[in-house]
Amino acid sequence: MGAVIMQLVCDTCKKVLLEKEGEEHLLNERFPITQEEAQNLDKEHRGHECHIEAVQKLD
């Protein structure tokens, strides 16, 4: 069984912006991002439609 990865996906750009590994994030319903990541997302993807997906990466 593979690791659970949470992905922040930009629907406007059709690409994965960030990936965070760890099932604890999913269980806590959190997608932790750093201040630097937040500033970059705000600069490059402001106003875009984005969503979070949980995917399982196979070993």
PDB file of N, CA and C in Angstrom:
ATOM      1  N   MET A   1       0.843  -1.172   0.000  1.00  0.00           N
ATOM      2  CA  MET A   1       0.000   0.000   0.000  1.00  0.00           C
ATOM      3  C   MET A   1       0.894   1.242   0.000  1.00  0.00           C
ATOM      4  N   GLY A   2       0.490   2.273  -0.709  1.00  0.00           N
ATOM      5  CA  GLY A   2       1.304   3.466  -0.856  1.00  0.00           C
ATOM      6  C   GLY A   2       0.989   4.543   0.153  1.00  0.00           C
ATOM      7  N   ALA A   3       1.752   5.599   0.068  1.00  0.00           N
ATOM      8  CA  ALA A   3       1.594   6.740   0.963  1.00  0.00           C
ATOM      9  C   ALA A   3       0.434   7.620   0.511  1.00  0.00           C
ATOM     10  N   VAL A   4      -0.223   8.247   1.480  1.00  0.00           N
ATOM     11  CA  VAL A   4      -1.297   9.194   1.183  1.00  0.00           C
ATOM     12  C   VAL A   4      -0.663  10.564   0.975  1.00  0.00           C
ATOM     13  N   ILE A   5      -0.957  11.166  -0.152  1.00  0.00           N
ATOM     14  CA  ILE A   5      -0.440  12.478  -0.512  1.00  0.00           C
ATOM     15  C   ILE A   5      -1.618  13.415  -0.715  1.00  0.00           C
ATOM     16  N   MET A   6      -1.534  14.581  -0.109  1.00  0.00           N
ATOM     17  CA  MET A   6      -2.544  15.612  -0.353  1.00  0.00           C
ATOM     18  C   MET A   6      -1.971  16.571  -1.371  1.00  0.00           C
ATOM     19  N   GLN A   7      -2.768  16.895  -2.367  1.00  0.00           N
ATOM     20  CA  GLN A   7      -2.321  17.765  -3.448  1.00  0.00           C
ATOM     21  C   GLN A   7      -3.212  18.998  -3.527  1.00  0.00           C
ATOM     22  N   LEU A   8      -2.573  20.154  -3.686  1.00  0.00           N
ATOM     23  CA  LEU A   8      -3.287  21.393  -3.985  1.00  0.00           C
ATOM     24  C   LEU A   8      -3.245  21.551  -5.496  1.00  0.00           C
ATOM     25  N   VAL A   9      -4.420  21.504  -6.125  1.00  0.00           N
ATOM     26  CA  VAL A   9      -4.521  21.511  -7.579  1.00  0.00           C
ATOM     27  C   VAL A   9      -5.186  22.804  -8.044  1.00  0.00           C
ATOM     28  N   CYS A  10      -4.567  23.475  -9.010  1.00  0.00           N
ATOM     29  CA  CYS A  10      -5.138  24.675  -9.609  1.00  0.00           C
ATOM     30  C   CYS A  10      -5.987  24.250 -10.801  1.00  0.00           C
ATOM     31  N   ASP A  11      -7.289  24.475 -10.698  1.00  0.00           N
ATOM     32  CA  ASP A  11      -8.195  24.113 -11.789  1.00  0.00           C
ATOM     33  C   ASP A  11      -7.988  25.027 -12.993  1.00  0.00           C
ATOM     34  N   THR A  12      -7.603  26.264 -12.743  1.00  0.00           N
ATOM     35  CA  THR A  12      -7.394  27.221 -13.823  1.00  0.00           C
ATOM     36  C   THR A  12      -6.175  26.838 -14.658  1.00  0.00           C
ATOM     37  N   CYS A  13      -5.068  26.497 -13.976  1.00  0.00           N
ATOM     38  CA  CYS A  13      -3.812  26.154 -14.660  1.00  0.00           C
ATOM     39  C   CYS A  13      -3.716  24.674 -15.010  1.00  0.00           C
ATOM     40  N   LYS A  14      -4.597  23.869 -14.440  1.00  0.00           N
ATOM     41  CA  LYS A  14      -4.608  22.423 -14.660  1.00  0.00           C
ATOM     42  C   LYS A  14      -3.293  21.765 -14.235  1.00  0.00           C
ATOM     43  N   LYS A  15      -2.796  22.144 -13.012  1.00  0.00           N
ATOM     44  CA  LYS A  15      -1.571  21.517 -12.527  1.00  0.00           C
ATOM     45  C   LYS A  15      -1.567  21.431 -11.007  1.00  0.00           C
ATOM     46  N   VAL A  16      -0.737  20.515 -10.503  1.00  0.00           N
ATOM     47  CA  VAL A  16      -0.553  20.348  -9.064  1.00  0.00           C
ATOM     48  C   VAL A  16       0.418  21.424  -8.588  1.00  0.00           C
ATOM     49  N   LEU A  17      -0.015  22.216  -7.617  1.00  0.00           N
ATOM     50  CA  LEU A  17       0.812  23.304  -7.107  1.00  0.00           C
ATOM     51  C   LEU A  17       1.693  22.859  -5.949  1.00  0.00           C
ATOM     52  N   LEU A  18       1.122  22.082  -5.034  1.00  0.00           N
ATOM     53  CA  LEU A  18       1.855  21.612  -3.861  1.00  0.00           C
ATOM     54  C   LEU A  18       1.430  20.195  -3.527  1.00  0.00           C
ATOM     55  N   GLU A  19       2.357  19.445  -2.926  1.00  0.00           N
ATOM     56  CA  GLU A  19       2.055  18.116  -2.411  1.00  0.00           C
ATOM     57  C   GLU A  19       2.554  18.031  -0.982  1.00  0.00           C
ATOM     58  N   LYS A  20       1.739  17.446  -0.119  1.00  0.00           N
ATOM     59  CA  LYS A  20       2.106  17.236   1.280  1.00  0.00           C
ATOM     60  C   LYS A  20       1.830  15.779   1.613  1.00  0.00           C
ATOM     61  N   GLU A  21       2.831  15.103   2.143  1.00  0.00           N
ATOM     62  CA  GLU A  21       2.677  13.700   2.501  1.00  0.00           C
ATOM     63  C   GLU A  21       2.217  13.582   3.943  1.00  0.00           C
ATOM     64  N   GLY A  22       1.377  12.619   4.195  1.00  0.00           N
ATOM     65  CA  GLY A  22       0.981  12.338   5.562  1.00  0.00           C
ATOM     66  C   GLY A  22      -0.515  12.223   5.744  1.00  0.00           C
ATOM     67  N   GLU A  23      -0.902  11.079   6.242  1.00  0.00           N
ATOM     68  CA  GLU A  23      -2.321  10.824   6.475  1.00  0.00           C
ATOM     69  C   GLU A  23      -2.866  11.669   7.624  1.00  0.00           C
ATOM     70  N   GLU A  24      -1.965  12.111   8.543  1.00  0.00           N
ATOM     71  CA  GLU A  24      -2.439  12.922   9.666  1.00  0.00           C
ATOM     72  C   GLU A  24      -3.023  14.245   9.196  1.00  0.00           C
ATOM     73  N   HIS A  25      -2.506  14.798   8.102  1.00  0.00           N
ATOM     74  CA  HIS A  25      -3.066  16.038   7.549  1.00  0.00           C
ATOM     75  C   HIS A  25      -4.503  15.809   7.067  1.00  0.00           C
ATOM     76  N   LEU A  26      -4.716  14.677   6.440  1.00  0.00           N
ATOM     77  CA  LEU A  26      -6.048  14.333   5.951  1.00  0.00           C
ATOM     78  C   LEU A  26      -7.009  14.130   7.120  1.00  0.00           C
ATOM     79  N   LEU A  27      -6.559  13.410   8.134  1.00  0.00           N
ATOM     80  CA  LEU A  27      -7.415  13.145   9.295  1.00  0.00           C
ATOM     81  C   LEU A  27      -7.747  14.430  10.049  1.00  0.00           C
ATOM     82  N   ASN A  28      -6.825  15.382  10.062  1.00  0.00           N
ATOM     83  CA  ASN A  28      -7.052  16.664  10.741  1.00  0.00           C
ATOM     84  C   ASN A  28      -7.706  17.696   9.837  1.00  0.00           C
ATOM     85  N   GLU A  29      -7.992  17.301   8.599  1.00  0.00           N
ATOM     86  CA  GLU A  29      -8.597  18.195   7.605  1.00  0.00           C
ATOM     87  C   GLU A  29      -7.802  19.490   7.468  1.00  0.00           C
ATOM     88  N   ARG A  30      -6.485  19.343   7.362  1.00  0.00           N
ATOM     89  CA  ARG A  30      -5.578  20.485   7.228  1.00  0.00           C
ATOM     90  C   ARG A  30      -4.665  20.264   6.025  1.00  0.00           C
ATOM     91  N   PHE A  31      -4.325  21.352   5.368  1.00  0.00           N
ATOM     92  CA  PHE A  31      -3.308  21.335   4.318  1.00  0.00           C
ATOM     93  C   PHE A  31      -2.283  22.391   4.714  1.00  0.00           C
ATOM     94  N   PRO A  32      -1.246  21.976   5.449  1.00  0.00           N
ATOM     95  CA  PRO A  32      -0.293  22.957   5.975  1.00  0.00           C
ATOM     96  C   PRO A  32       0.589  23.538   4.871  1.00  0.00           C
ATOM     97  N   ILE A  33       0.721  24.864   4.871  1.00  0.00           N
ATOM     98  CA  ILE A  33       1.633  25.514   3.936  1.00  0.00           C
ATOM     99  C   ILE A  33       2.474  26.528   4.706  1.00  0.00           C
ATOM    100  N   THR A  34       3.681  26.750   4.207  1.00  0.00           N
ATOM    101  CA  THR A  34       4.572  27.719   4.836  1.00  0.00           C
ATOM    102  C   THR A  34       4.192  29.121   4.382  1.00  0.00           C
ATOM    103  N   GLN A  35       4.727  30.100   5.083  1.00  0.00           N
ATOM    104  CA  GLN A  35       4.495  31.507   4.709  1.00  0.00           C
ATOM    105  C   GLN A  35       5.010  31.759   3.294  1.00  0.00           C
ATOM    106  N   GLU A  36       6.161  31.189   2.962  1.00  0.00           N
ATOM    107  CA  GLU A  36       6.745  31.364   1.626  1.00  0.00           C
ATOM    108  C   GLU A  36       5.847  30.751   0.549  1.00  0.00           C
ATOM    109  N   GLU A  37       5.316  29.555   0.815  1.00  0.00           N
ATOM    110  CA  GLU A  37       4.405  28.918  -0.136  1.00  0.00           C
ATOM    111  C   GLU A  37       3.145  29.753  -0.313  1.00  0.00           C
ATOM    112  N   ALA A  38       2.625  30.300   0.785  1.00  0.00           N
ATOM    113  CA  ALA A  38       1.415  31.129   0.728  1.00  0.00           C
ATOM    114  C   ALA A  38       1.648  32.379  -0.110  1.00  0.00           C
ATOM    115  N   GLN A  39       2.791  33.026   0.065  1.00  0.00           N
ATOM    116  CA  GLN A  39       3.103  34.226  -0.706  1.00  0.00           C
ATOM    117  C   GLN A  39       3.238  33.900  -2.188  1.00  0.00           C
ATOM    118  N   ASN A  40       3.873  32.778  -2.498  1.00  0.00           N
ATOM    119  CA  ASN A  40       4.039  32.367  -3.891  1.00  0.00           C
ATOM    120  C   ASN A  40       2.685  32.054  -4.533  1.00  0.00           C
ATOM    121  N   LEU A  41       1.823  31.351  -3.808  1.00  0.00           N
ATOM    122  CA  LEU A  41       0.484  31.045  -4.326  1.00  0.00           C
ATOM    123  C   LEU A  41      -0.319  32.320  -4.556  1.00  0.00           C
ATOM    124  N   ASP A  42      -0.219  33.254  -3.620  1.00  0.00           N
ATOM    125  CA  ASP A  42      -0.940  34.515  -3.748  1.00  0.00           C
ATOM    126  C   ASP A  42      -0.450  35.286  -4.966  1.00  0.00           C
ATOM    127  N   LYS A  43       0.841  35.273  -5.196  1.00  0.00           N
ATOM    128  CA  LYS A  43       1.430  36.006  -6.315  1.00  0.00           C
ATOM    129  C   LYS A  43       1.085  35.377  -7.670  1.00  0.00           C
ATOM    130  N   GLU A  44       1.173  34.044  -7.744  1.00  0.00           N
ATOM    131  CA  GLU A  44       1.035  33.372  -9.032  1.00  0.00           C
ATOM    132  C   GLU A  44      -0.361  32.841  -9.341  1.00  0.00           C
ATOM    133  N   HIS A  45      -1.200  32.668  -8.315  1.00  0.00           N
ATOM    134  CA  HIS A  45      -2.499  32.021  -8.552  1.00  0.00           C
ATOM    135  C   HIS A  45      -3.667  32.763  -7.926  1.00  0.00           C
ATOM    136  N   ARG A  46      -3.498  34.015  -7.624  1.00  0.00           N
ATOM    137  CA  ARG A  46      -4.584  34.803  -7.027  1.00  0.00           C
ATOM    138  C   ARG A  46      -5.785  34.817  -7.969  1.00  0.00           C
ATOM    139  N   GLY A  47      -6.948  34.524  -7.418  1.00  0.00           N
ATOM    140  CA  GLY A  47      -8.178  34.532  -8.202  1.00  0.00           C
ATOM    141  C   GLY A  47      -8.446  33.239  -8.954  1.00  0.00           C
ATOM    142  N   HIS A  48      -7.530  32.285  -8.882  1.00  0.00           N
ATOM    143  CA  HIS A  48      -7.730  31.005  -9.568  1.00  0.00           C
ATOM    144  C   HIS A  48      -8.585  30.078  -8.715  1.00  0.00           C
ATOM    145  N   GLU A  49      -9.288  29.184  -9.378  1.00  0.00           N
ATOM    146  CA  GLU A  49     -10.051  28.145  -8.695  1.00  0.00           C
ATOM    147  C   GLU A  49      -9.110  26.990  -8.387  1.00  0.00           C
ATOM    148  N   CYS A  50      -9.026  26.601  -7.114  1.00  0.00           N
ATOM    149  CA  CYS A  50      -8.147  25.511  -6.699  1.00  0.00           C
ATOM    150  C   CYS A  50      -8.919  24.563  -5.779  1.00  0.00           C
ATOM    151  N   HIS A  51      -8.423  23.329  -5.673  1.00  0.00           N
ATOM    152  CA  HIS A  51      -9.021  22.378  -4.741  1.00  0.00           C
ATOM    153  C   HIS A  51      -7.927  21.458  -4.201  1.00  0.00           C
ATOM    154  N   ILE A  52      -8.264  20.728  -3.145  1.00  0.00           N
ATOM    155  CA  ILE A  52      -7.336  19.791  -2.522  1.00  0.00           C
ATOM    156  C   ILE A  52      -7.840  18.379  -2.774  1.00  0.00           C
ATOM    157  N   GLU A  53      -6.913  17.503  -3.158  1.00  0.00           N
ATOM    158  CA  GLU A  53      -7.217  16.091  -3.391  1.00  0.00           C
ATOM    159  C   GLU A  53      -6.325  15.240  -2.507  1.00  0.00           C
ATOM    160  N   ALA A  54      -6.844  14.121  -2.058  1.00  0.00           N
ATOM    161  CA  ALA A  54      -6.033  13.117  -1.378  1.00  0.00           C
ATOM    162  C   ALA A  54      -5.848  11.970  -2.359  1.00  0.00           C
ATOM    163  N   VAL A  55      -4.603  11.625  -2.630  1.00  0.00           N
ATOM    164  CA  VAL A  55      -4.300  10.540  -3.555  1.00  0.00           C
ATOM    165  C   VAL A  55      -3.373   9.552  -2.871  1.00  0.00           C
ATOM    166  N   GLN A  56      -3.392   8.334  -3.354  1.00  0.00           N
ATOM    167  CA  GLN A  56      -2.506   7.320  -2.806  1.00  0.00           C
ATOM    168  C   GLN A  56      -1.456   6.996  -3.846  1.00  0.00           C
ATOM    169  N   LYS A  57      -0.200   7.254  -3.497  1.00  0.00           N
ATOM    170  CA  LYS A  57       0.914   6.946  -4.393  1.00  0.00           C
ATOM    171  C   LYS A  57       1.331   5.507  -4.139  1.00  0.00           C
ATOM    172  N   LEU A  58       1.435   4.745  -5.196  1.00  0.00           N
ATOM    173  CA  LEU A  58       1.824   3.347  -5.072  1.00  0.00           C
ATOM    174  C   LEU A  58       3.326   3.234  -4.932  1.00  0.00           C
ATOM    175  N   ASP A  59       3.749   2.248  -4.142  1.00  0.00           N
ATOM    176  CA  ASP A  59       5.187   2.018  -3.939  1.00  0.00           C
ATOM    177  C   ASP A  59       5.845   1.487  -5.188  1.00  0.00           C
TER     178      ASP A  59
END
